[in-house]
Amino acid sequence: MIEVRIKRNPMDRISSVSVSNHGDPIVCSAVSVLLLNTLNSIEVFTDALFTYDGAEEGGDSIITIIRYDDEGKAELLMNSLVLGYKSIEESYKDEIVVID
């Protein structure tokens, strides 16, 4: 089962999202696409500072926000990522769990 763990800072902003384990290939693909699109979008559309650590062959990964941008774009993108994961969880309860 895929586990998505959301960590928040004292201001309730997402500080990191980690993804671990494997599951159904379709669900894994959806989880990966959401994460990679969020990473690319934060990098291209914001000046937020973040780190990403992930296995080259897929699987466990974590995105950590070091500093959000002043416009709030990165925060919106991270909230969108979590919304996407929670939507997948609603449809595939046996394949993914989101811990927020």
N, C-alpha and C. Protein backbone atom coordinates (compact mmCIF):
# COMPACT_ATOMS: atom_id res chain seq x y z
N MET A 1 0.83 -1.18 0.00
CA MET A 1 0.00 0.00 0.00
C MET A 1 0.88 1.25 0.00
N ILE A 2 0.51 2.23 -0.82
CA ILE A 2 1.23 3.49 -0.88
C ILE A 2 0.84 4.33 0.33
N GLU A 3 1.82 4.92 0.97
CA GLU A 3 1.57 5.80 2.11
C GLU A 3 2.06 7.20 1.77
N VAL A 4 1.16 8.17 1.86
CA VAL A 4 1.49 9.57 1.67
C VAL A 4 1.38 10.24 3.04
N ARG A 5 2.46 10.86 3.47
CA ARG A 5 2.46 11.49 4.79
C ARG A 5 2.69 13.00 4.59
N ILE A 6 1.74 13.78 5.14
CA ILE A 6 1.80 15.23 5.05
C ILE A 6 2.26 15.78 6.40
N LYS A 7 3.27 16.64 6.36
CA LYS A 7 3.70 17.33 7.58
C LYS A 7 3.41 18.81 7.40
N ARG A 8 2.96 19.43 8.49
CA ARG A 8 2.61 20.84 8.46
C ARG A 8 3.41 21.60 9.52
N ASN A 9 3.65 22.88 9.23
CA ASN A 9 4.35 23.72 10.18
C ASN A 9 3.34 24.32 11.16
N PRO A 10 3.80 25.07 12.17
CA PRO A 10 2.87 25.64 13.16
C PRO A 10 1.80 26.56 12.56
N MET A 11 2.05 27.10 11.36
CA MET A 11 1.05 27.96 10.71
C MET A 11 0.10 27.15 9.82
N ASP A 12 0.16 25.82 9.94
CA ASP A 12 -0.67 24.88 9.20
C ASP A 12 -0.37 24.85 7.70
N ARG A 13 0.80 25.33 7.31
CA ARG A 13 1.24 25.24 5.92
C ARG A 13 1.97 23.90 5.75
N ILE A 14 1.82 23.31 4.60
CA ILE A 14 2.50 22.04 4.33
C ILE A 14 4.00 22.28 4.30
N SER A 15 4.73 21.53 5.10
CA SER A 15 6.18 21.64 5.11
C SER A 15 6.84 20.53 4.32
N SER A 16 6.18 19.37 4.25
CA SER A 16 6.71 18.29 3.42
C SER A 16 5.62 17.28 3.07
N VAL A 17 5.85 16.60 1.97
CA VAL A 17 5.00 15.50 1.55
C VAL A 17 5.93 14.35 1.20
N SER A 18 5.73 13.22 1.87
CA SER A 18 6.54 12.05 1.57
C SER A 18 5.65 10.93 1.05
N VAL A 19 6.20 10.18 0.12
CA VAL A 19 5.49 9.05 -0.49
C VAL A 19 6.37 7.83 -0.32
N SER A 20 5.78 6.76 0.19
CA SER A 20 6.56 5.53 0.37
C SER A 20 5.75 4.31 -0.03
N ASN A 21 6.47 3.25 -0.30
CA ASN A 21 5.92 1.95 -0.69
C ASN A 21 5.41 1.94 -2.12
N HIS A 22 4.98 0.78 -2.54
CA HIS A 22 4.47 0.58 -3.88
C HIS A 22 3.06 0.01 -3.79
N GLY A 23 2.39 0.01 -4.92
CA GLY A 23 1.05 -0.53 -4.96
C GLY A 23 0.65 -0.84 -6.39
N ASP A 24 -0.62 -0.80 -6.64
CA ASP A 24 -1.16 -1.02 -7.98
C ASP A 24 -0.46 -0.08 -8.97
N PRO A 25 0.00 -0.59 -10.12
CA PRO A 25 0.73 0.25 -11.08
C PRO A 25 -0.03 1.50 -11.52
N ILE A 26 -1.33 1.41 -11.67
CA ILE A 26 -2.11 2.58 -12.10
C ILE A 26 -2.10 3.64 -11.00
N VAL A 27 -2.26 3.22 -9.76
CA VAL A 27 -2.25 4.17 -8.64
C VAL A 27 -0.85 4.75 -8.47
N CYS A 28 0.17 3.93 -8.57
CA CYS A 28 1.55 4.41 -8.48
C CYS A 28 1.84 5.46 -9.55
N SER A 29 1.37 5.21 -10.75
CA SER A 29 1.57 6.17 -11.84
C SER A 29 0.89 7.49 -11.53
N ALA A 30 -0.33 7.45 -11.04
CA ALA A 30 -1.06 8.67 -10.72
C ALA A 30 -0.34 9.45 -9.61
N VAL A 31 0.12 8.74 -8.60
CA VAL A 31 0.82 9.37 -7.48
C VAL A 31 2.11 10.02 -7.98
N SER A 32 2.84 9.32 -8.83
CA SER A 32 4.10 9.84 -9.36
C SER A 32 3.89 11.05 -10.24
N VAL A 33 2.89 11.00 -11.11
CA VAL A 33 2.62 12.11 -12.01
C VAL A 33 2.25 13.36 -11.22
N LEU A 34 1.41 13.21 -10.20
CA LEU A 34 1.05 14.37 -9.39
C LEU A 34 2.28 14.99 -8.72
N LEU A 35 3.14 14.14 -8.18
CA LEU A 35 4.33 14.64 -7.49
C LEU A 35 5.27 15.34 -8.46
N LEU A 36 5.56 14.71 -9.59
CA LEU A 36 6.49 15.31 -10.55
C LEU A 36 5.94 16.60 -11.14
N ASN A 37 4.64 16.64 -11.42
CA ASN A 37 4.05 17.86 -11.95
C ASN A 37 4.12 18.99 -10.92
N THR A 38 3.91 18.66 -9.65
CA THR A 38 4.01 19.67 -8.61
C THR A 38 5.44 20.20 -8.49
N LEU A 39 6.41 19.30 -8.51
CA LEU A 39 7.82 19.72 -8.46
C LEU A 39 8.15 20.65 -9.61
N ASN A 40 7.80 20.23 -10.83
CA ASN A 40 8.10 21.04 -12.00
C ASN A 40 7.39 22.38 -11.95
N SER A 41 6.15 22.39 -11.50
CA SER A 41 5.38 23.63 -11.43
C SER A 41 5.96 24.59 -10.40
N ILE A 42 6.35 24.09 -9.25
CA ILE A 42 6.96 24.96 -8.23
C ILE A 42 8.25 25.54 -8.77
N GLU A 43 9.04 24.72 -9.44
CA GLU A 43 10.32 25.19 -9.97
C GLU A 43 10.14 26.25 -11.06
N VAL A 44 9.18 26.04 -11.95
CA VAL A 44 9.00 26.94 -13.10
C VAL A 44 8.19 28.19 -12.74
N PHE A 45 7.16 28.05 -11.94
CA PHE A 45 6.21 29.15 -11.73
C PHE A 45 6.40 29.94 -10.44
N THR A 46 7.32 29.51 -9.58
CA THR A 46 7.50 30.21 -8.31
C THR A 46 8.98 30.44 -8.03
N ASP A 47 9.24 31.23 -7.00
CA ASP A 47 10.62 31.37 -6.53
C ASP A 47 10.77 30.75 -5.14
N ALA A 48 9.89 29.81 -4.83
CA ALA A 48 9.98 29.09 -3.56
C ALA A 48 11.25 28.24 -3.55
N LEU A 49 11.73 27.96 -2.38
CA LEU A 49 12.91 27.13 -2.20
C LEU A 49 12.47 25.78 -1.64
N PHE A 50 12.87 24.70 -2.29
CA PHE A 50 12.45 23.37 -1.86
C PHE A 50 13.55 22.37 -2.14
N THR A 51 13.43 21.21 -1.49
CA THR A 51 14.32 20.09 -1.79
C THR A 51 13.47 18.90 -2.19
N TYR A 52 14.07 18.04 -2.97
CA TYR A 52 13.40 16.81 -3.38
C TYR A 52 14.41 15.68 -3.25
N ASP A 53 13.98 14.60 -2.64
CA ASP A 53 14.82 13.42 -2.52
C ASP A 53 13.98 12.22 -2.94
N GLY A 54 14.40 11.55 -4.00
CA GLY A 54 13.65 10.41 -4.48
C GLY A 54 14.55 9.38 -5.12
N ALA A 55 14.11 8.14 -5.05
CA ALA A 55 14.86 7.05 -5.67
C ALA A 55 14.75 7.18 -7.19
N GLU A 56 15.86 7.00 -7.89
CA GLU A 56 15.87 7.12 -9.35
C GLU A 56 14.92 6.15 -10.03
N GLU A 57 14.78 4.97 -9.48
CA GLU A 57 13.92 3.95 -10.09
C GLU A 57 12.47 4.06 -9.62
N GLY A 58 12.16 5.13 -8.89
CA GLY A 58 10.80 5.31 -8.40
C GLY A 58 10.66 4.81 -6.98
N GLY A 59 9.52 5.06 -6.41
CA GLY A 59 9.27 4.60 -5.05
C GLY A 59 9.32 5.73 -4.06
N ASP A 60 10.03 5.53 -2.97
CA ASP A 60 10.04 6.50 -1.88
C ASP A 60 10.59 7.85 -2.34
N SER A 61 9.89 8.91 -1.93
CA SER A 61 10.33 10.26 -2.27
C SER A 61 9.76 11.25 -1.27
N ILE A 62 10.41 12.41 -1.19
CA ILE A 62 9.94 13.46 -0.30
C ILE A 62 10.24 14.82 -0.90
N ILE A 63 9.26 15.69 -0.83
CA ILE A 63 9.45 17.09 -1.20
C ILE A 63 9.30 17.91 0.08
N THR A 64 10.27 18.78 0.32
CA THR A 64 10.27 19.61 1.51
C THR A 64 10.35 21.07 1.09
N ILE A 65 9.43 21.87 1.59
CA ILE A 65 9.44 23.29 1.30
C ILE A 65 10.31 23.97 2.35
N ILE A 66 11.35 24.65 1.88
CA ILE A 66 12.25 25.36 2.78
C ILE A 66 11.75 26.79 2.99
N ARG A 67 11.30 27.41 1.88
CA ARG A 67 10.76 28.76 1.94
C ARG A 67 9.70 28.91 0.87
N TYR A 68 8.51 29.32 1.27
CA TYR A 68 7.44 29.59 0.32
C TYR A 68 7.68 30.92 -0.39
N ASP A 69 7.12 31.07 -1.57
CA ASP A 69 7.18 32.33 -2.30
C ASP A 69 6.16 33.31 -1.70
N ASP A 70 6.39 34.60 -1.92
CA ASP A 70 5.51 35.63 -1.35
C ASP A 70 4.13 35.67 -1.99
N GLU A 71 4.02 35.19 -3.22
CA GLU A 71 2.74 35.25 -3.93
C GLU A 71 1.78 34.13 -3.53
N GLY A 72 2.25 33.12 -2.84
CA GLY A 72 1.40 32.01 -2.42
C GLY A 72 1.20 30.93 -3.46
N LYS A 73 1.94 31.00 -4.57
CA LYS A 73 1.77 30.02 -5.64
C LYS A 73 2.21 28.62 -5.22
N ALA A 74 3.35 28.52 -4.56
CA ALA A 74 3.84 27.20 -4.14
C ALA A 74 2.92 26.57 -3.12
N GLU A 75 2.36 27.40 -2.23
CA GLU A 75 1.42 26.87 -1.24
C GLU A 75 0.18 26.31 -1.93
N LEU A 76 -0.32 27.04 -2.92
CA LEU A 76 -1.47 26.56 -3.69
C LEU A 76 -1.14 25.24 -4.39
N LEU A 77 0.03 25.15 -4.97
CA LEU A 77 0.43 23.92 -5.67
C LEU A 77 0.56 22.74 -4.70
N MET A 78 1.11 22.98 -3.52
CA MET A 78 1.22 21.91 -2.53
C MET A 78 -0.16 21.48 -2.03
N ASN A 79 -1.05 22.42 -1.82
CA ASN A 79 -2.42 22.08 -1.41
C ASN A 79 -3.12 21.30 -2.51
N SER A 80 -2.85 21.65 -3.75
CA SER A 80 -3.43 20.93 -4.88
C SER A 80 -2.90 19.50 -4.93
N LEU A 81 -1.62 19.32 -4.64
CA LEU A 81 -1.03 17.97 -4.59
C LEU A 81 -1.74 17.12 -3.55
N VAL A 82 -1.93 17.66 -2.37
CA VAL A 82 -2.61 16.91 -1.30
C VAL A 82 -4.05 16.61 -1.69
N LEU A 83 -4.74 17.57 -2.29
CA LEU A 83 -6.11 17.34 -2.76
C LEU A 83 -6.14 16.19 -3.76
N GLY A 84 -5.17 16.16 -4.68
CA GLY A 84 -5.10 15.07 -5.65
C GLY A 84 -4.90 13.72 -4.98
N TYR A 85 -4.00 13.67 -3.99
CA TYR A 85 -3.76 12.42 -3.29
C TYR A 85 -5.00 11.96 -2.51
N LYS A 86 -5.69 12.90 -1.90
CA LYS A 86 -6.90 12.54 -1.16
C LYS A 86 -8.01 12.07 -2.11
N SER A 87 -8.06 12.62 -3.30
CA SER A 87 -9.04 12.17 -4.29
C SER A 87 -8.74 10.75 -4.75
N ILE A 88 -7.46 10.44 -4.95
CA ILE A 88 -7.07 9.08 -5.31
C ILE A 88 -7.44 8.13 -4.18
N GLU A 89 -7.18 8.56 -2.94
CA GLU A 89 -7.49 7.73 -1.78
C GLU A 89 -8.98 7.39 -1.72
N GLU A 90 -9.84 8.33 -2.05
CA GLU A 90 -11.28 8.07 -2.03
C GLU A 90 -11.67 6.95 -3.00
N SER A 91 -11.01 6.90 -4.14
CA SER A 91 -11.34 5.90 -5.16
C SER A 91 -10.61 4.58 -4.97
N TYR A 92 -9.45 4.60 -4.33
CA TYR A 92 -8.60 3.41 -4.20
C TYR A 92 -8.19 3.21 -2.74
N LYS A 93 -9.15 3.06 -1.86
CA LYS A 93 -8.90 2.96 -0.42
C LYS A 93 -7.98 1.81 -0.04
N ASP A 94 -7.95 0.75 -0.83
CA ASP A 94 -7.11 -0.40 -0.53
C ASP A 94 -5.69 -0.24 -1.07
N GLU A 95 -5.44 0.83 -1.82
CA GLU A 95 -4.14 1.00 -2.48
C GLU A 95 -3.30 2.16 -1.93
N ILE A 96 -3.98 3.13 -1.30
CA ILE A 96 -3.25 4.34 -0.85
C ILE A 96 -3.90 4.87 0.43
N VAL A 97 -3.04 5.37 1.32
CA VAL A 97 -3.51 6.03 2.53
C VAL A 97 -2.78 7.38 2.62
N VAL A 98 -3.55 8.42 2.91
CA VAL A 98 -2.99 9.76 3.08
C VAL A 98 -3.10 10.11 4.55
N ILE A 99 -1.97 10.38 5.17
CA ILE A 99 -1.91 10.74 6.59
C ILE A 99 -1.59 12.21 6.68
N ASP A 100 -2.55 12.98 7.14
CA ASP A 100 -2.41 14.44 7.18
C ASP A 100 -2.66 14.93 8.59
